[in-house]
Amino acid sequence: QAMLKEEQDIASLQIIYFDFDKSNLLPSARN
């Protein structure tokens, strides 16, 4: 059960996106 939960947690890591030619974090990215 712990391994299954960990796999689910790994899969829940989310991608963040950036504006064109920027590397600063958008408010949605911070969340």
PDB file of all heavy atoms in Angstrom:
ATOM      1  N   GLN A   1       0.830  -1.204   0.000  1.00  0.00           N
ATOM      2  CA  GLN A   1       0.000   0.000   0.000  1.00  0.00           C
ATOM      3  C   GLN A   1       0.868   1.258   0.000  1.00  0.00           C
ATOM      4  O   GLN A   1       0.558   2.238  -0.680  1.00  0.00           O
ATOM      5  CB  GLN A   1      -0.951   0.002   1.209  1.00  0.00           C
ATOM      6  CG  GLN A   1      -2.037  -1.051   1.138  1.00  0.00           C
ATOM      7  CD  GLN A   1      -2.952  -0.889  -0.046  1.00  0.00           C
ATOM      8  OE1 GLN A   1      -3.266   0.204  -0.475  1.00  0.00           O
ATOM      9  NE2 GLN A   1      -3.357  -2.005  -0.624  1.00  0.00           N
ATOM     10  N   ALA A   2       1.954   1.231   0.760  1.00  0.00           N
ATOM     11  CA  ALA A   2       2.866   2.374   0.802  1.00  0.00           C
ATOM     12  C   ALA A   2       3.526   2.596  -0.560  1.00  0.00           C
ATOM     13  O   ALA A   2       3.671   3.738  -1.017  1.00  0.00           O
ATOM     14  CB  ALA A   2       3.923   2.189   1.883  1.00  0.00           C
ATOM     15  N   MET A   3       3.918   1.488  -1.216  1.00  0.00           N
ATOM     16  CA  MET A   3       4.528   1.611  -2.541  1.00  0.00           C
ATOM     17  C   MET A   3       3.528   2.163  -3.555  1.00  0.00           C
ATOM     18  O   MET A   3       3.873   3.013  -4.381  1.00  0.00           O
ATOM     19  CB  MET A   3       5.060   0.256  -3.010  1.00  0.00           C
ATOM     20  CG  MET A   3       6.339  -0.163  -2.308  1.00  0.00           C
ATOM     21  SD  MET A   3       6.926  -1.798  -2.810  1.00  0.00           S
ATOM     22  CE  MET A   3       7.116  -1.597  -4.561  1.00  0.00           C
ATOM     23  N   LEU A   4       2.291   1.690  -3.472  1.00  0.00           N
ATOM     24  CA  LEU A   4       1.251   2.182  -4.371  1.00  0.00           C
ATOM     25  C   LEU A   4       1.017   3.668  -4.145  1.00  0.00           C
ATOM     26  O   LEU A   4       0.922   4.446  -5.102  1.00  0.00           O
ATOM     27  CB  LEU A   4      -0.042   1.384  -4.168  1.00  0.00           C
ATOM     28  CG  LEU A   4      -1.232   1.805  -5.009  1.00  0.00           C
ATOM     29  CD1 LEU A   4      -0.931   1.623  -6.503  1.00  0.00           C
ATOM     30  CD2 LEU A   4      -2.458   0.995  -4.616  1.00  0.00           C
ATOM     31  N   LYS A   5       0.954   4.058  -2.876  1.00  0.00           N
ATOM     32  CA  LYS A   5       0.755   5.476  -2.542  1.00  0.00           C
ATOM     33  C   LYS A   5       1.925   6.308  -3.061  1.00  0.00           C
ATOM     34  O   LYS A   5       1.737   7.395  -3.607  1.00  0.00           O
ATOM     35  CB  LYS A   5       0.602   5.626  -1.023  1.00  0.00           C
ATOM     36  CG  LYS A   5       0.506   7.054  -0.537  1.00  0.00           C
ATOM     37  CD  LYS A   5      -0.739   7.732  -1.040  1.00  0.00           C
ATOM     38  CE  LYS A   5      -0.872   9.108  -0.419  1.00  0.00           C
ATOM     39  NZ  LYS A   5      -1.377  10.094  -1.367  1.00  0.00           N
ATOM     40  N   GLU A   6       3.144   5.798  -2.898  1.00  0.00           N
ATOM     41  CA  GLU A   6       4.321   6.529  -3.373  1.00  0.00           C
ATOM     42  C   GLU A   6       4.283   6.667  -4.897  1.00  0.00           C
ATOM     43  O   GLU A   6       4.584   7.741  -5.422  1.00  0.00           O
ATOM     44  CB  GLU A   6       5.605   5.829  -2.929  1.00  0.00           C
ATOM     45  CG  GLU A   6       6.853   6.605  -3.282  1.00  0.00           C
ATOM     46  CD  GLU A   6       8.117   5.997  -2.712  1.00  0.00           C
ATOM     47  OE1 GLU A   6       8.046   4.999  -1.982  1.00  0.00           O
ATOM     48  OE2 GLU A   6       9.191   6.540  -3.010  1.00  0.00           O
ATOM     49  N   GLU A   7       3.896   5.608  -5.585  1.00  0.00           N
ATOM     50  CA  GLU A   7       3.789   5.693  -7.047  1.00  0.00           C
ATOM     51  C   GLU A   7       2.752   6.736  -7.458  1.00  0.00           C
ATOM     52  O   GLU A   7       2.955   7.484  -8.421  1.00  0.00           O
ATOM     53  CB  GLU A   7       3.429   4.323  -7.635  1.00  0.00           C
ATOM     54  CG  GLU A   7       4.564   3.327  -7.572  1.00  0.00           C
ATOM     55  CD  GLU A   7       4.150   1.922  -7.977  1.00  0.00           C
ATOM     56  OE1 GLU A   7       2.999   1.733  -8.437  1.00  0.00           O
ATOM     57  OE2 GLU A   7       4.982   1.008  -7.834  1.00  0.00           O
ATOM     58  N   GLN A   8       1.641   6.779  -6.727  1.00  0.00           N
ATOM     59  CA  GLN A   8       0.608   7.781  -7.007  1.00  0.00           C
ATOM     60  C   GLN A   8       1.145   9.187  -6.751  1.00  0.00           C
ATOM     61  O   GLN A   8       0.863  10.115  -7.520  1.00  0.00           O
ATOM     62  CB  GLN A   8      -0.640   7.519  -6.168  1.00  0.00           C
ATOM     63  CG  GLN A   8      -1.381   6.264  -6.570  1.00  0.00           C
ATOM     64  CD  GLN A   8      -2.475   5.884  -5.571  1.00  0.00           C
ATOM     65  OE1 GLN A   8      -2.488   6.336  -4.420  1.00  0.00           O
ATOM     66  NE2 GLN A   8      -3.392   5.031  -6.012  1.00  0.00           N
ATOM     67  N   ASP A   9       1.912   9.336  -5.672  1.00  0.00           N
ATOM     68  CA  ASP A   9       2.484  10.649  -5.361  1.00  0.00           C
ATOM     69  C   ASP A   9       3.497  11.076  -6.422  1.00  0.00           C
ATOM     70  O   ASP A   9       3.550  12.250  -6.800  1.00  0.00           O
ATOM     71  CB  ASP A   9       3.118  10.643  -3.970  1.00  0.00           C
ATOM     72  CG  ASP A   9       2.066  10.643  -2.859  1.00  0.00           C
ATOM     73  OD1 ASP A   9       0.888  10.961  -3.136  1.00  0.00           O
ATOM     74  OD2 ASP A   9       2.423  10.308  -1.715  1.00  0.00           O
ATOM     75  N   ILE A  10       4.302  10.136  -6.912  1.00  0.00           N
ATOM     76  CA  ILE A  10       5.260  10.458  -7.974  1.00  0.00           C
ATOM     77  C   ILE A  10       4.507  10.944  -9.208  1.00  0.00           C
ATOM     78  O   ILE A  10       4.873  11.946  -9.832  1.00  0.00           O
ATOM     79  CB  ILE A  10       6.147   9.240  -8.310  1.00  0.00           C
ATOM     80  CG1 ILE A  10       7.139   8.997  -7.173  1.00  0.00           C
ATOM     81  CG2 ILE A  10       6.892   9.453  -9.632  1.00  0.00           C
ATOM     82  CD1 ILE A  10       7.919   7.692  -7.292  1.00  0.00           C
ATOM     83  N   ALA A  11       3.435  10.226  -9.535  1.00  0.00           N
ATOM     84  CA  ALA A  11       2.642  10.596 -10.711  1.00  0.00           C
ATOM     85  C   ALA A  11       1.942  11.935 -10.527  1.00  0.00           C
ATOM     86  O   ALA A  11       1.591  12.586 -11.526  1.00  0.00           O
ATOM     87  CB  ALA A  11       1.622   9.505 -11.013  1.00  0.00           C
ATOM     88  N   SER A  12       1.765  12.371  -9.282  1.00  0.00           N
ATOM     89  CA  SER A  12       1.055  13.637  -9.053  1.00  0.00           C
ATOM     90  C   SER A  12       1.970  14.861  -9.105  1.00  0.00           C
ATOM     91  O   SER A  12       1.485  15.989  -9.005  1.00  0.00           O
ATOM     92  CB  SER A  12       0.312  13.592  -7.708  1.00  0.00           C
ATOM     93  OG  SER A  12       1.223  13.633  -6.628  1.00  0.00           O
ATOM     94  N   LEU A  13       3.284  14.650  -9.235  1.00  0.00           N
ATOM     95  CA  LEU A  13       4.177  15.799  -9.420  1.00  0.00           C
ATOM     96  C   LEU A  13       3.775  16.520 -10.704  1.00  0.00           C
ATOM     97  O   LEU A  13       3.596  15.879 -11.743  1.00  0.00           O
ATOM     98  CB  LEU A  13       5.641  15.348  -9.490  1.00  0.00           C
ATOM     99  CG  LEU A  13       6.256  14.854  -8.186  1.00  0.00           C
ATOM    100  CD1 LEU A  13       7.613  14.214  -8.449  1.00  0.00           C
ATOM    101  CD2 LEU A  13       6.379  15.982  -7.170  1.00  0.00           C
ATOM    102  N   GLN A  14       3.633  17.823 -10.606  1.00  0.00           N
ATOM    103  CA  GLN A  14       3.091  18.567 -11.740  1.00  0.00           C
ATOM    104  C   GLN A  14       4.165  19.386 -12.461  1.00  0.00           C
ATOM    105  O   GLN A  14       5.176  19.773 -11.881  1.00  0.00           O
ATOM    106  CB  GLN A  14       1.975  19.502 -11.260  1.00  0.00           C
ATOM    107  CG  GLN A  14       0.792  18.728 -10.693  1.00  0.00           C
ATOM    108  CD  GLN A  14      -0.315  19.665 -10.277  1.00  0.00           C
ATOM    109  OE1 GLN A  14      -0.693  20.566 -11.016  1.00  0.00           O
ATOM    110  NE2 GLN A  14      -0.825  19.459  -9.072  1.00  0.00           N
ATOM    111  N   ILE A  15       3.856  19.654 -13.693  1.00  0.00           N
ATOM    112  CA  ILE A  15       4.716  20.471 -14.562  1.00  0.00           C
ATOM    113  C   ILE A  15       4.324  21.933 -14.381  1.00  0.00           C
ATOM    114  O   ILE A  15       3.148  22.256 -14.213  1.00  0.00           O
ATOM    115  CB  ILE A  15       4.498  20.050 -16.033  1.00  0.00           C
ATOM    116  CG1 ILE A  15       4.887  18.590 -16.213  1.00  0.00           C
ATOM    117  CG2 ILE A  15       5.253  20.959 -16.987  1.00  0.00           C
ATOM    118  CD1 ILE A  15       4.468  17.994 -17.550  1.00  0.00           C
ATOM    119  N   ILE A  16       5.315  22.804 -14.426  1.00  0.00           N
ATOM    120  CA  ILE A  16       5.003  24.237 -14.424  1.00  0.00           C
ATOM    121  C   ILE A  16       5.411  24.827 -15.772  1.00  0.00           C
ATOM    122  O   ILE A  16       6.265  24.280 -16.473  1.00  0.00           O
ATOM    123  CB  ILE A  16       5.695  24.999 -13.267  1.00  0.00           C
ATOM    124  CG1 ILE A  16       7.217  24.933 -13.413  1.00  0.00           C
ATOM    125  CG2 ILE A  16       5.216  24.470 -11.920  1.00  0.00           C
ATOM    126  CD1 ILE A  16       7.932  25.974 -12.594  1.00  0.00           C
ATOM    127  N   TYR A  17       4.794  25.958 -16.112  1.00  0.00           N
ATOM    128  CA  TYR A  17       5.024  26.589 -17.415  1.00  0.00           C
ATOM    129  C   TYR A  17       5.535  28.007 -17.206  1.00  0.00           C
ATOM    130  O   TYR A  17       5.318  28.629 -16.157  1.00  0.00           O
ATOM    131  CB  TYR A  17       3.734  26.570 -18.237  1.00  0.00           C
ATOM    132  CG  TYR A  17       3.281  25.154 -18.521  1.00  0.00           C
ATOM    133  CD1 TYR A  17       2.339  24.521 -17.702  1.00  0.00           C
ATOM    134  CD2 TYR A  17       3.828  24.438 -19.573  1.00  0.00           C
ATOM    135  CE1 TYR A  17       1.957  23.212 -17.946  1.00  0.00           C
ATOM    136  CE2 TYR A  17       3.454  23.120 -19.823  1.00  0.00           C
ATOM    137  CZ  TYR A  17       2.522  22.523 -19.013  1.00  0.00           C
ATOM    138  OH  TYR A  17       2.159  21.222 -19.252  1.00  0.00           O
ATOM    139  N   PHE A  18       6.236  28.510 -18.230  1.00  0.00           N
ATOM    140  CA  PHE A  18       6.851  29.835 -18.177  1.00  0.00           C
ATOM    141  C   PHE A  18       6.353  30.678 -19.352  1.00  0.00           C
ATOM    142  O   PHE A  18       5.935  30.153 -20.383  1.00  0.00           O
ATOM    143  CB  PHE A  18       8.378  29.710 -18.283  1.00  0.00           C
ATOM    144  CG  PHE A  18       9.007  29.025 -17.102  1.00  0.00           C
ATOM    145  CD1 PHE A  18       9.158  27.637 -17.076  1.00  0.00           C
ATOM    146  CD2 PHE A  18       9.448  29.745 -16.008  1.00  0.00           C
ATOM    147  CE1 PHE A  18       9.740  26.991 -15.997  1.00  0.00           C
ATOM    148  CE2 PHE A  18      10.035  29.113 -14.922  1.00  0.00           C
ATOM    149  CZ  PHE A  18      10.186  27.737 -14.921  1.00  0.00           C
ATOM    150  N   ASP A  19       6.447  31.973 -19.141  1.00  0.00           N
ATOM    151  CA  ASP A  19       6.169  32.902 -20.239  1.00  0.00           C
ATOM    152  C   ASP A  19       7.334  32.854 -21.226  1.00  0.00           C
ATOM    153  O   ASP A  19       8.426  32.384 -20.892  1.00  0.00           O
ATOM    154  CB  ASP A  19       5.989  34.338 -19.707  1.00  0.00           C
ATOM    155  CG  ASP A  19       4.629  34.539 -19.044  1.00  0.00           C
ATOM    156  OD1 ASP A  19       3.693  33.787 -19.378  1.00  0.00           O
ATOM    157  OD2 ASP A  19       4.514  35.447 -18.179  1.00  0.00           O
ATOM    158  N   PHE A  20       7.096  33.385 -22.411  1.00  0.00           N
ATOM    159  CA  PHE A  20       8.114  33.421 -23.454  1.00  0.00           C
ATOM    160  C   PHE A  20       9.358  34.159 -22.966  1.00  0.00           C
ATOM    161  O   PHE A  20       9.267  35.261 -22.414  1.00  0.00           O
ATOM    162  CB  PHE A  20       7.552  34.101 -24.708  1.00  0.00           C
ATOM    163  CG  PHE A  20       8.582  34.297 -25.782  1.00  0.00           C
ATOM    164  CD1 PHE A  20       9.117  33.213 -26.456  1.00  0.00           C
ATOM    165  CD2 PHE A  20       9.025  35.581 -26.111  1.00  0.00           C
ATOM    166  CE1 PHE A  20      10.076  33.398 -27.442  1.00  0.00           C
ATOM    167  CE2 PHE A  20       9.985  35.763 -27.095  1.00  0.00           C
ATOM    168  CZ  PHE A  20      10.516  34.664 -27.770  1.00  0.00           C
ATOM    169  N   ASP A  21      10.511  33.516 -23.142  1.00  0.00           N
ATOM    170  CA  ASP A  21      11.815  34.088 -22.836  1.00  0.00           C
ATOM    171  C   ASP A  21      11.967  34.489 -21.359  1.00  0.00           C
ATOM    172  O   ASP A  21      12.721  35.396 -21.041  1.00  0.00           O
ATOM    173  CB  ASP A  21      12.085  35.294 -23.754  1.00  0.00           C
ATOM    174  CG  ASP A  21      13.568  35.593 -23.866  1.00  0.00           C
ATOM    175  OD1 ASP A  21      14.389  34.651 -23.691  1.00  0.00           O
ATOM    176  OD2 ASP A  21      13.929  36.760 -24.092  1.00  0.00           O
ATOM    177  N   LYS A  22      11.246  33.815 -20.457  1.00  0.00           N
ATOM    178  CA  LYS A  22      11.295  34.136 -19.019  1.00  0.00           C
ATOM    179  C   LYS A  22      11.674  32.885 -18.218  1.00  0.00           C
ATOM    180  O   LYS A  22      11.409  31.767 -18.622  1.00  0.00           O
ATOM    181  CB  LYS A  22       9.940  34.639 -18.515  1.00  0.00           C
ATOM    182  CG  LYS A  22       9.413  35.854 -19.223  1.00  0.00           C
ATOM    183  CD  LYS A  22      10.139  37.085 -18.774  1.00  0.00           C
ATOM    184  CE  LYS A  22       9.484  38.294 -19.451  1.00  0.00           C
ATOM    185  NZ  LYS A  22      10.276  39.459 -19.413  1.00  0.00           N
ATOM    186  N   SER A  23      12.247  33.135 -17.053  1.00  0.00           N
ATOM    187  CA  SER A  23      12.549  32.043 -16.129  1.00  0.00           C
ATOM    188  C   SER A  23      11.996  32.326 -14.738  1.00  0.00           C
ATOM    189  O   SER A  23      12.250  31.563 -13.815  1.00  0.00           O
ATOM    190  CB  SER A  23      14.063  31.802 -16.054  1.00  0.00           C
ATOM    191  OG  SER A  23      14.720  32.959 -15.599  1.00  0.00           O
ATOM    192  N   ASN A  24      11.226  33.432 -14.611  1.00  0.00           N
ATOM    193  CA  ASN A  24      10.611  33.719 -13.312  1.00  0.00           C
ATOM    194  C   ASN A  24       9.298  32.940 -13.172  1.00  0.00           C
ATOM    195  O   ASN A  24       8.660  32.575 -14.158  1.00  0.00           O
ATOM    196  CB  ASN A  24      10.385  35.217 -13.128  1.00  0.00           C
ATOM    197  CG  ASN A  24       9.514  35.814 -14.210  1.00  0.00           C
ATOM    198  OD1 ASN A  24       9.693  35.527 -15.399  1.00  0.00           O
ATOM    199  ND2 ASN A  24       8.552  36.631 -13.807  1.00  0.00           N
ATOM    200  N   LEU A  25       8.923  32.677 -11.936  1.00  0.00           N
ATOM    201  CA  LEU A  25       7.751  31.843 -11.660  1.00  0.00           C
ATOM    202  C   LEU A  25       6.464  32.651 -11.720  1.00  0.00           C
ATOM    203  O   LEU A  25       6.369  33.727 -11.137  1.00  0.00           O
ATOM    204  CB  LEU A  25       7.872  31.203 -10.277  1.00  0.00           C
ATOM    205  CG  LEU A  25       9.047  30.254 -10.063  1.00  0.00           C
ATOM    206  CD1 LEU A  25       9.111  29.798  -8.606  1.00  0.00           C
ATOM    207  CD2 LEU A  25       8.955  29.063 -10.998  1.00  0.00           C
ATOM    208  N   LEU A  26       5.477  32.115 -12.414  1.00  0.00           N
ATOM    209  CA  LEU A  26       4.138  32.684 -12.434  1.00  0.00           C
ATOM    210  C   LEU A  26       3.433  32.309 -11.135  1.00  0.00           C
ATOM    211  O   LEU A  26       3.778  31.303 -10.503  1.00  0.00           O
ATOM    212  CB  LEU A  26       3.357  32.135 -13.627  1.00  0.00           C
ATOM    213  CG  LEU A  26       3.941  32.444 -15.012  1.00  0.00           C
ATOM    214  CD1 LEU A  26       3.224  31.624 -16.079  1.00  0.00           C
ATOM    215  CD2 LEU A  26       3.821  33.936 -15.303  1.00  0.00           C
ATOM    216  N   PRO A  27       2.422  33.099 -10.709  1.00  0.00           N
ATOM    217  CA  PRO A  27       1.699  32.741  -9.476  1.00  0.00           C
ATOM    218  C   PRO A  27       1.117  31.317  -9.519  1.00  0.00           C
ATOM    219  O   PRO A  27       1.171  30.596  -8.515  1.00  0.00           O
ATOM    220  CB  PRO A  27       0.582  33.785  -9.391  1.00  0.00           C
ATOM    221  CG  PRO A  27       1.125  34.961 -10.136  1.00  0.00           C
ATOM    222  CD  PRO A  27       1.961  34.383 -11.244  1.00  0.00           C
ATOM    223  N   SER A  28       0.597  30.893 -10.656  1.00  0.00           N
ATOM    224  CA  SER A  28       0.041  29.527 -10.764  1.00  0.00           C
ATOM    225  C   SER A  28       1.154  28.491 -10.577  1.00  0.00           C
ATOM    226  O   SER A  28       0.934  27.419 -10.007  1.00  0.00           O
ATOM    227  CB  SER A  28      -0.654  29.338 -12.110  1.00  0.00           C
ATOM    228  OG  SER A  28       0.265  29.544 -13.170  1.00  0.00           O
ATOM    229  N   ALA A  29       2.368  28.807 -11.046  1.00  0.00           N
ATOM    230  CA  ALA A  29       3.503  27.895 -10.910  1.00  0.00           C
ATOM    231  C   ALA A  29       3.897  27.747  -9.439  1.00  0.00           C
ATOM    232  O   ALA A  29       4.260  26.655  -8.998  1.00  0.00           O
ATOM    233  CB  ALA A  29       4.683  28.378 -11.737  1.00  0.00           C
ATOM    234  N   ARG A  30       3.819  28.830  -8.680  1.00  0.00           N
ATOM    235  CA  ARG A  30       4.171  28.775  -7.253  1.00  0.00           C
ATOM    236  C   ARG A  30       3.237  27.814  -6.496  1.00  0.00           C
ATOM    237  O   ARG A  30       3.694  27.053  -5.637  1.00  0.00           O
ATOM    238  CB  ARG A  30       4.132  30.158  -6.623  1.00  0.00           C
ATOM    239  CG  ARG A  30       5.229  31.058  -7.109  1.00  0.00           C
ATOM    240  CD  ARG A  30       5.152  32.447  -6.443  1.00  0.00           C
ATOM    241  NE  ARG A  30       6.184  33.304  -6.987  1.00  0.00           N
ATOM    242  CZ  ARG A  30       7.461  33.274  -6.597  1.00  0.00           C
ATOM    243  NH1 ARG A  30       7.833  32.438  -5.656  1.00  0.00           N
ATOM    244  NH2 ARG A  30       8.341  34.086  -7.134  1.00  0.00           N
ATOM    245  N   ASN A  31       1.954  27.850  -6.817  1.00  0.00           N
ATOM    246  CA  ASN A  31       0.999  26.945  -6.161  1.00  0.00           C
ATOM    247  C   ASN A  31       1.329  25.485  -6.482  1.00  0.00           C
ATOM    248  O   ASN A  31       1.285  24.613  -5.607  1.00  0.00           O
ATOM    249  CB  ASN A  31      -0.432  27.253  -6.599  1.00  0.00           C
ATOM    250  CG  ASN A  31      -0.909  28.606  -6.092  1.00  0.00           C
ATOM    251  OD1 ASN A  31      -0.414  29.125  -5.101  1.00  0.00           O
ATOM    252  ND2 ASN A  31      -1.858  29.193  -6.794  1.00  0.00           N
TER     253      ASN A  31
END
